[in-house]
Structure formats: structure tokens, C-alpha cells
């Protein structure tokens, strides 16, 4: 476990949260990070943390959002932070439900088989992952309330993408926890996380 690995996984959570915000308010999102986030759900046996997201620039939006949130700049968005904390809460609840974890694993393995035929962001894949989220994580007493424009939230394609992204966020939260991530680090290790996040962003630029 390293601070770099936990920061990468944390950026994965922030990326999912930011993409949910984009979809909910504007009905649009950046396709490449969307694909990376969805792909991360299917990479359950990746041999490293960064391999879950393919490469560092795959989580560029997540790193940028993480920076903005922890630096508490004018660009800070409390909705994103609420989504991130909500995803972490769902992850903790999930770890206490081995039956649900097993069901999710089976469902994801089924989606992996589908992904051999379809592109990872094909509507069939997104619908399958959205249904998995609905059948499992959305049944907990803590539910993430997504805010946005009604016309975008009521659009079924957007709704499925949002649910799939929330599932991706929980997957990153699991990875973050596995790499030693804890919520108290937002307060006591904020500078370390910001330093690593900035170094990773600088590496992308170079």
C-alpha cells in the first residue's frame, strides 16, 4: 500500500462523482473518462492500482476534481463532495453484506463476458451495470440523491449512465479502502494527498 495508490483510487471516486454531476446538470460528459470509469468496474483482477484505470491520464478529471475539492478553491462543488462521501458510505455497508457482494461479483463477471462482444460503454453494458446498482446498492437505507436538471435525470439513457457511474464510484471506494484509504485522511493527510495528486497531474502534462 502507498499514498500514490490510495490517491489514484481516490481520484477514481472523484471522477465518477464529477461525471455524475456533469450528466445530471448538462446531459453530457467526456466520453474517454466515462469509458475508463466503467471499465474500472470490470477490472476486478488488475495487477496494480493504476491498471484498474488503464493509465494515469485515464483519471485526469478525477485528479483535477480531487485537487479542486481538497484545496477548497472557488471551483469546489459541494455536490461532488456529497457524492464522494455517499459512495464511501455505500462501500462500508457493502463490505458487511457478503451475500450482496457475491451477487455483485457474479453480475460483474457476467458483464465481463458481455464486454467481449460489445464495447464497454455499449448500451447493453450500461443497462446491465445500472440494473446491478439498482438491485444491490440502491437498496441500502443510505441512498445517494442525485441533483440536476429534471429533463436529464428523467432521460432513461442518462439515468442508466448515472447508476453505472455510481457503481464505478463504489468500485473505486473499495480499491481506496484496500489501499489503506480512510475518511479521516481528508483532514489529517490532505496536504500529502494534494502533493501526490499534483505530481500525477504534472506527469500527465509531461
C-alpha atoms as a PDB file:
ATOM      1  CA  UNK A   1       0.000   0.000   0.000  1.00  0.00           C
ATOM      2  CA  UNK A   2       1.219   3.504  -0.803  1.00  0.00           C
ATOM      3  CA  UNK A   3      -0.082   7.053  -0.702  1.00  0.00           C
ATOM      4  CA  UNK A   4       0.158   7.105  -4.520  1.00  0.00           C
ATOM      5  CA  UNK A   5      -2.053   4.038  -4.893  1.00  0.00           C
ATOM      6  CA  UNK A   6      -4.645   5.352  -2.437  1.00  0.00           C
ATOM      7  CA  UNK A   7      -4.631   8.755  -4.174  1.00  0.00           C
ATOM      8  CA  UNK A   8      -5.183   7.088  -7.571  1.00  0.00           C
ATOM      9  CA  UNK A   9      -8.153   5.147  -6.193  1.00  0.00           C
ATOM     10  CA  UNK A  10      -9.478   8.296  -4.505  1.00  0.00           C
ATOM     11  CA  UNK A  11      -9.260  10.108  -7.838  1.00  0.00           C
ATOM     12  CA  UNK A  12     -11.313   7.267  -9.294  1.00  0.00           C
ATOM     13  CA  UNK A  13     -14.095   8.049  -6.797  1.00  0.00           C
ATOM     14  CA  UNK A  14     -13.948  11.773  -7.545  1.00  0.00           C
ATOM     15  CA  UNK A  15     -14.017  11.099 -11.287  1.00  0.00           C
ATOM     16  CA  UNK A  16     -17.219   9.067 -11.013  1.00  0.00           C
ATOM     17  CA  UNK A  17     -18.785  11.781  -8.832  1.00  0.00           C
ATOM     18  CA  UNK A  18     -17.840  14.573 -11.242  1.00  0.00           C
ATOM     19  CA  UNK A  19     -19.158  12.659 -14.268  1.00  0.00           C
ATOM     20  CA  UNK A  20     -22.439  12.072 -12.435  1.00  0.00           C
ATOM     21  CA  UNK A  21     -22.658  15.830 -11.810  1.00  0.00           C
ATOM     22  CA  UNK A  22     -21.980  16.610 -15.479  1.00  0.00           C
ATOM     23  CA  UNK A  23     -24.654  14.197 -16.679  1.00  0.00           C
ATOM     24  CA  UNK A  24     -27.238  15.352 -14.136  1.00  0.00           C
ATOM     25  CA  UNK A  25     -26.887  19.059 -14.893  1.00  0.00           C
ATOM     26  CA  UNK A  26     -25.870  19.156 -18.555  1.00  0.00           C
ATOM     27  CA  UNK A  27     -26.827  15.767 -20.015  1.00  0.00           C
ATOM     28  CA  UNK A  28     -23.270  15.482 -21.383  1.00  0.00           C
ATOM     29  CA  UNK A  29     -19.946  14.059 -20.254  1.00  0.00           C
ATOM     30  CA  UNK A  30     -16.431  13.420 -21.508  1.00  0.00           C
ATOM     31  CA  UNK A  31     -16.523  10.070 -23.265  1.00  0.00           C
ATOM     32  CA  UNK A  32     -12.978   8.841 -22.540  1.00  0.00           C
ATOM     33  CA  UNK A  33     -13.079   9.244 -18.720  1.00  0.00           C
ATOM     34  CA  UNK A  34     -16.595   7.768 -18.795  1.00  0.00           C
ATOM     35  CA  UNK A  35     -15.226   4.719 -20.587  1.00  0.00           C
ATOM     36  CA  UNK A  36     -12.313   4.448 -18.128  1.00  0.00           C
ATOM     37  CA  UNK A  37     -14.636   4.649 -15.114  1.00  0.00           C
ATOM     38  CA  UNK A  38     -16.990   1.988 -16.492  1.00  0.00           C
ATOM     39  CA  UNK A  39     -14.042  -0.186 -17.461  1.00  0.00           C
ATOM     40  CA  UNK A  40     -12.720   0.002 -13.882  1.00  0.00           C
ATOM     41  CA  UNK A  41     -15.743  -1.982 -12.679  1.00  0.00           C
ATOM     42  CA  UNK A  42     -14.812  -4.885 -14.925  1.00  0.00           C
ATOM     43  CA  UNK A  43     -11.118  -4.967 -13.992  1.00  0.00           C
ATOM     44  CA  UNK A  44     -11.513  -6.877 -10.761  1.00  0.00           C
ATOM     45  CA  UNK A  45      -8.229  -8.780 -11.116  1.00  0.00           C
ATOM     46  CA  UNK A  46      -5.924  -5.983 -12.259  1.00  0.00           C
ATOM     47  CA  UNK A  47      -2.317  -6.484 -11.141  1.00  0.00           C
ATOM     48  CA  UNK A  48      -1.903  -2.903  -9.892  1.00  0.00           C
ATOM     49  CA  UNK A  49      -4.000   0.058  -8.806  1.00  0.00           C
ATOM     50  CA  UNK A  50      -3.239   2.125 -11.880  1.00  0.00           C
ATOM     51  CA  UNK A  51      -4.043  -0.851 -14.135  1.00  0.00           C
ATOM     52  CA  UNK A  52      -7.657  -0.612 -12.961  1.00  0.00           C
ATOM     53  CA  UNK A  53      -7.821   2.733 -14.786  1.00  0.00           C
ATOM     54  CA  UNK A  54      -5.523   1.670 -17.649  1.00  0.00           C
ATOM     55  CA  UNK A  55      -3.169   4.653 -17.250  1.00  0.00           C
ATOM     56  CA  UNK A  56      -2.739   7.813 -15.159  1.00  0.00           C
ATOM     57  CA  UNK A  57      -4.309  10.137 -17.718  1.00  0.00           C
ATOM     58  CA  UNK A  58      -7.419   7.938 -17.562  1.00  0.00           C
ATOM     59  CA  UNK A  59      -8.214   9.571 -14.223  1.00  0.00           C
ATOM     60  CA  UNK A  60      -7.167  13.106 -15.156  1.00  0.00           C
ATOM     61  CA  UNK A  61     -10.645  14.518 -14.443  1.00  0.00           C
ATOM     62  CA  UNK A  62     -10.653  12.693 -11.113  1.00  0.00           C
ATOM     63  CA  UNK A  63      -7.272  14.142 -10.132  1.00  0.00           C
ATOM     64  CA  UNK A  64      -8.328  17.657 -11.166  1.00  0.00           C
ATOM     65  CA  UNK A  65     -11.597  17.383  -9.226  1.00  0.00           C
ATOM     66  CA  UNK A  66      -9.779  15.973  -6.189  1.00  0.00           C
ATOM     67  CA  UNK A  67      -7.399  18.943  -6.283  1.00  0.00           C
ATOM     68  CA  UNK A  68     -10.225  21.466  -6.522  1.00  0.00           C
ATOM     69  CA  UNK A  69     -12.171  19.861  -3.686  1.00  0.00           C
ATOM     70  CA  UNK A  70      -9.314  19.431  -1.206  1.00  0.00           C
ATOM     71  CA  UNK A  71      -7.788  22.836  -1.968  1.00  0.00           C
ATOM     72  CA  UNK A  72     -11.210  24.346  -1.256  1.00  0.00           C
ATOM     73  CA  UNK A  73     -10.930  26.649  -4.269  1.00  0.00           C
ATOM     74  CA  UNK A  74     -13.764  28.650  -5.813  1.00  0.00           C
ATOM     75  CA  UNK A  75     -14.280  25.707  -8.189  1.00  0.00           C
ATOM     76  CA  UNK A  76     -15.129  23.477  -5.225  1.00  0.00           C
ATOM     77  CA  UNK A  77     -18.526  21.839  -5.632  1.00  0.00           C
ATOM     78  CA  UNK A  78     -20.285  20.521  -2.545  1.00  0.00           C
ATOM     79  CA  UNK A  79     -22.481  18.201  -4.603  1.00  0.00           C
ATOM     80  CA  UNK A  80     -19.388  16.322  -5.768  1.00  0.00           C
ATOM     81  CA  UNK A  81     -18.169  16.009  -2.175  1.00  0.00           C
ATOM     82  CA  UNK A  82     -21.558  14.713  -1.075  1.00  0.00           C
ATOM     83  CA  UNK A  83     -21.481  12.088  -3.810  1.00  0.00           C
ATOM     84  CA  UNK A  84     -17.949  11.039  -2.824  1.00  0.00           C
ATOM     85  CA  UNK A  85     -18.853  10.665   0.855  1.00  0.00           C
ATOM     86  CA  UNK A  86     -22.052   8.841  -0.116  1.00  0.00           C
ATOM     87  CA  UNK A  87     -20.084   6.369  -2.238  1.00  0.00           C
ATOM     88  CA  UNK A  88     -17.756   5.721   0.686  1.00  0.00           C
ATOM     89  CA  UNK A  89     -20.728   5.045   2.959  1.00  0.00           C
ATOM     90  CA  UNK A  90     -22.170   2.578   0.443  1.00  0.00           C
ATOM     91  CA  UNK A  91     -18.798   0.812   0.241  1.00  0.00           C
ATOM     92  CA  UNK A  92     -18.728   0.325   4.011  1.00  0.00           C
ATOM     93  CA  UNK A  93     -22.267  -1.048   4.003  1.00  0.00           C
ATOM     94  CA  UNK A  94     -21.448  -3.362   1.106  1.00  0.00           C
ATOM     95  CA  UNK A  95     -18.478  -4.928   2.916  1.00  0.00           C
ATOM     96  CA  UNK A  96     -20.849  -6.020   5.698  1.00  0.00           C
ATOM     97  CA  UNK A  97     -23.117  -7.827   3.253  1.00  0.00           C
ATOM     98  CA  UNK A  98     -21.250 -10.816   1.856  1.00  0.00           C
ATOM     99  CA  UNK A  99     -24.386 -12.080   0.117  1.00  0.00           C
ATOM    100  CA  UNK A 100     -24.764  -8.819  -1.789  1.00  0.00           C
ATOM    101  CA  UNK A 101     -21.049  -8.696  -2.549  1.00  0.00           C
ATOM    102  CA  UNK A 102     -21.254 -12.198  -4.021  1.00  0.00           C
ATOM    103  CA  UNK A 103     -24.292 -11.211  -6.115  1.00  0.00           C
ATOM    104  CA  UNK A 104     -22.477  -8.129  -7.412  1.00  0.00           C
ATOM    105  CA  UNK A 105     -19.373 -10.149  -8.263  1.00  0.00           C
ATOM    106  CA  UNK A 106     -21.426 -12.655 -10.236  1.00  0.00           C
ATOM    107  CA  UNK A 107     -23.208  -9.831 -12.053  1.00  0.00           C
ATOM    108  CA  UNK A 108     -19.941  -8.113 -12.927  1.00  0.00           C
ATOM    109  CA  UNK A 109     -18.446 -11.369 -14.202  1.00  0.00           C
ATOM    110  CA  UNK A 110     -21.490 -11.723 -16.451  1.00  0.00           C
ATOM    111  CA  UNK A 111     -20.896  -8.190 -17.724  1.00  0.00           C
ATOM    112  CA  UNK A 112     -17.253  -9.022 -18.411  1.00  0.00           C
ATOM    113  CA  UNK A 113     -18.461 -11.767 -20.743  1.00  0.00           C
ATOM    114  CA  UNK A 114     -20.747  -9.260 -22.498  1.00  0.00           C
ATOM    115  CA  UNK A 115     -17.839  -6.818 -22.853  1.00  0.00           C
ATOM    116  CA  UNK A 116     -16.029  -9.371 -25.005  1.00  0.00           C
ATOM    117  CA  UNK A 117     -18.758  -8.846 -27.604  1.00  0.00           C
ATOM    118  CA  UNK A 118     -19.766  -5.218 -27.034  1.00  0.00           C
ATOM    119  CA  UNK A 119     -17.799  -2.041 -26.364  1.00  0.00           C
ATOM    120  CA  UNK A 120     -17.530  -1.250 -22.665  1.00  0.00           C
ATOM    121  CA  UNK A 121     -19.901   1.737 -22.995  1.00  0.00           C
ATOM    122  CA  UNK A 122     -22.396  -0.073 -25.231  1.00  0.00           C
ATOM    123  CA  UNK A 123     -25.997   0.495 -24.021  1.00  0.00           C
ATOM    124  CA  UNK A 124     -26.339  -3.221 -23.172  1.00  0.00           C
ATOM    125  CA  UNK A 125     -23.356  -2.999 -20.803  1.00  0.00           C
ATOM    126  CA  UNK A 126     -24.524   0.254 -19.203  1.00  0.00           C
ATOM    127  CA  UNK A 127     -28.064  -1.056 -18.658  1.00  0.00           C
ATOM    128  CA  UNK A 128     -26.716  -4.247 -17.090  1.00  0.00           C
ATOM    129  CA  UNK A 129     -24.471  -2.307 -14.681  1.00  0.00           C
ATOM    130  CA  UNK A 130     -27.261   0.175 -13.886  1.00  0.00           C
ATOM    131  CA  UNK A 131     -29.583  -2.718 -13.024  1.00  0.00           C
ATOM    132  CA  UNK A 132     -26.903  -4.232 -10.811  1.00  0.00           C
ATOM    133  CA  UNK A 133     -26.661  -0.945  -8.900  1.00  0.00           C
ATOM    134  CA  UNK A 134     -30.455  -0.758  -8.539  1.00  0.00           C
ATOM    135  CA  UNK A 135     -30.743  -4.354  -7.323  1.00  0.00           C
ATOM    136  CA  UNK A 136     -27.967  -4.001  -4.747  1.00  0.00           C
ATOM    137  CA  UNK A 137     -26.503  -0.703  -3.582  1.00  0.00           C
ATOM    138  CA  UNK A 138     -29.638   1.392  -4.036  1.00  0.00           C
ATOM    139  CA  UNK A 139     -31.477  -0.918  -1.632  1.00  0.00           C
ATOM    140  CA  UNK A 140     -29.459   0.310   1.381  1.00  0.00           C
ATOM    141  CA  UNK A 141     -31.036   2.748   3.820  1.00  0.00           C
ATOM    142  CA  UNK A 142     -28.436   5.325   2.723  1.00  0.00           C
ATOM    143  CA  UNK A 143     -29.229   6.406  -0.826  1.00  0.00           C
ATOM    144  CA  UNK A 144     -27.382   8.905  -2.968  1.00  0.00           C
ATOM    145  CA  UNK A 145     -29.719  11.653  -4.108  1.00  0.00           C
ATOM    146  CA  UNK A 146     -28.525  12.987  -7.439  1.00  0.00           C
ATOM    147  CA  UNK A 147     -29.451  16.579  -8.181  1.00  0.00           C
ATOM    148  CA  UNK A 148     -29.691  18.119 -11.610  1.00  0.00           C
ATOM    149  CA  UNK A 149     -31.952  19.204 -14.441  1.00  0.00           C
ATOM    150  CA  UNK A 150     -35.175  17.214 -14.389  1.00  0.00           C
ATOM    151  CA  UNK A 151     -35.138  16.619 -18.153  1.00  0.00           C
ATOM    152  CA  UNK A 152     -31.711  14.990 -17.913  1.00  0.00           C
ATOM    153  CA  UNK A 153     -32.493  12.976 -14.780  1.00  0.00           C
ATOM    154  CA  UNK A 154     -35.689  11.615 -16.340  1.00  0.00           C
ATOM    155  CA  UNK A 155     -33.923  10.599 -19.545  1.00  0.00           C
ATOM    156  CA  UNK A 156     -33.522   6.809 -19.273  1.00  0.00           C
ATOM    157  CA  UNK A 157     -30.148   6.698 -21.037  1.00  0.00           C
ATOM    158  CA  UNK A 158     -28.750   9.328 -18.652  1.00  0.00           C
ATOM    159  CA  UNK A 159     -30.314   7.604 -15.634  1.00  0.00           C
ATOM    160  CA  UNK A 160     -28.632   4.323 -16.587  1.00  0.00           C
ATOM    161  CA  UNK A 161     -25.290   6.052 -17.084  1.00  0.00           C
ATOM    162  CA  UNK A 162     -25.574   7.747 -13.699  1.00  0.00           C
ATOM    163  CA  UNK A 163     -26.305   4.459 -11.925  1.00  0.00           C
ATOM    164  CA  UNK A 164     -23.430   2.754 -13.724  1.00  0.00           C
ATOM    165  CA  UNK A 165     -21.105   5.600 -12.693  1.00  0.00           C
ATOM    166  CA  UNK A 166     -22.236   5.316  -9.078  1.00  0.00           C
ATOM    167  CA  UNK A 167     -21.350   1.623  -9.237  1.00  0.00           C
ATOM    168  CA  UNK A 168     -17.944   2.618 -10.631  1.00  0.00           C
ATOM    169  CA  UNK A 169     -17.554   5.048  -7.738  1.00  0.00           C
ATOM    170  CA  UNK A 170     -18.194   2.298  -5.197  1.00  0.00           C
ATOM    171  CA  UNK A 171     -15.705   0.058  -7.021  1.00  0.00           C
ATOM    172  CA  UNK A 172     -13.073   2.812  -6.635  1.00  0.00           C
ATOM    173  CA  UNK A 173     -14.069   3.222  -2.972  1.00  0.00           C
ATOM    174  CA  UNK A 174     -13.400  -0.498  -2.443  1.00  0.00           C
ATOM    175  CA  UNK A 175      -9.991  -0.088  -4.100  1.00  0.00           C
ATOM    176  CA  UNK A 176      -9.274   3.000  -1.997  1.00  0.00           C
ATOM    177  CA  UNK A 177     -10.069   1.090   1.194  1.00  0.00           C
ATOM    178  CA  UNK A 178      -7.881  -1.830   0.069  1.00  0.00           C
ATOM    179  CA  UNK A 179      -5.013   0.632  -0.334  1.00  0.00           C
ATOM    180  CA  UNK A 180      -5.397   1.935   3.205  1.00  0.00           C
ATOM    181  CA  UNK A 181      -7.759   4.807   2.450  1.00  0.00           C
ATOM    182  CA  UNK A 182      -9.759   6.229   5.365  1.00  0.00           C
ATOM    183  CA  UNK A 183     -12.094   9.219   5.591  1.00  0.00           C
ATOM    184  CA  UNK A 184     -10.044  10.864   8.335  1.00  0.00           C
ATOM    185  CA  UNK A 185      -7.259  11.327   5.743  1.00  0.00           C
ATOM    186  CA  UNK A 186      -9.279  14.186   4.275  1.00  0.00           C
ATOM    187  CA  UNK A 187      -8.365  16.110   7.415  1.00  0.00           C
ATOM    188  CA  UNK A 188      -5.002  14.739   8.544  1.00  0.00           C
ATOM    189  CA  UNK A 189      -3.348  13.767   5.240  1.00  0.00           C
ATOM    190  CA  UNK A 190      -4.866  16.386   2.952  1.00  0.00           C
ATOM    191  CA  UNK A 191      -1.522  18.002   2.065  1.00  0.00           C
ATOM    192  CA  UNK A 192       0.074  14.645   1.245  1.00  0.00           C
ATOM    193  CA  UNK A 193      -2.842  13.668  -0.981  1.00  0.00           C
ATOM    194  CA  UNK A 194      -2.745  17.034  -2.748  1.00  0.00           C
ATOM    195  CA  UNK A 195       1.017  16.751  -3.314  1.00  0.00           C
ATOM    196  CA  UNK A 196       0.703  13.291  -4.858  1.00  0.00           C
ATOM    197  CA  UNK A 197      -2.314  14.320  -6.958  1.00  0.00           C
ATOM    198  CA  UNK A 198      -0.402  17.327  -8.312  1.00  0.00           C
ATOM    199  CA  UNK A 199       2.643  15.163  -9.100  1.00  0.00           C
ATOM    200  CA  UNK A 200       0.435  12.753 -11.025  1.00  0.00           C
ATOM    201  CA  UNK A 201      -1.151  15.636 -12.949  1.00  0.00           C
ATOM    202  CA  UNK A 202       2.305  17.033 -13.744  1.00  0.00           C
ATOM    203  CA  UNK A 203       3.344  13.620 -15.083  1.00  0.00           C
ATOM    204  CA  UNK A 204       0.334  13.664 -17.401  1.00  0.00           C
ATOM    205  CA  UNK A 205       1.326  17.094 -18.742  1.00  0.00           C
ATOM    206  CA  UNK A 206       4.896  15.935 -19.330  1.00  0.00           C
END
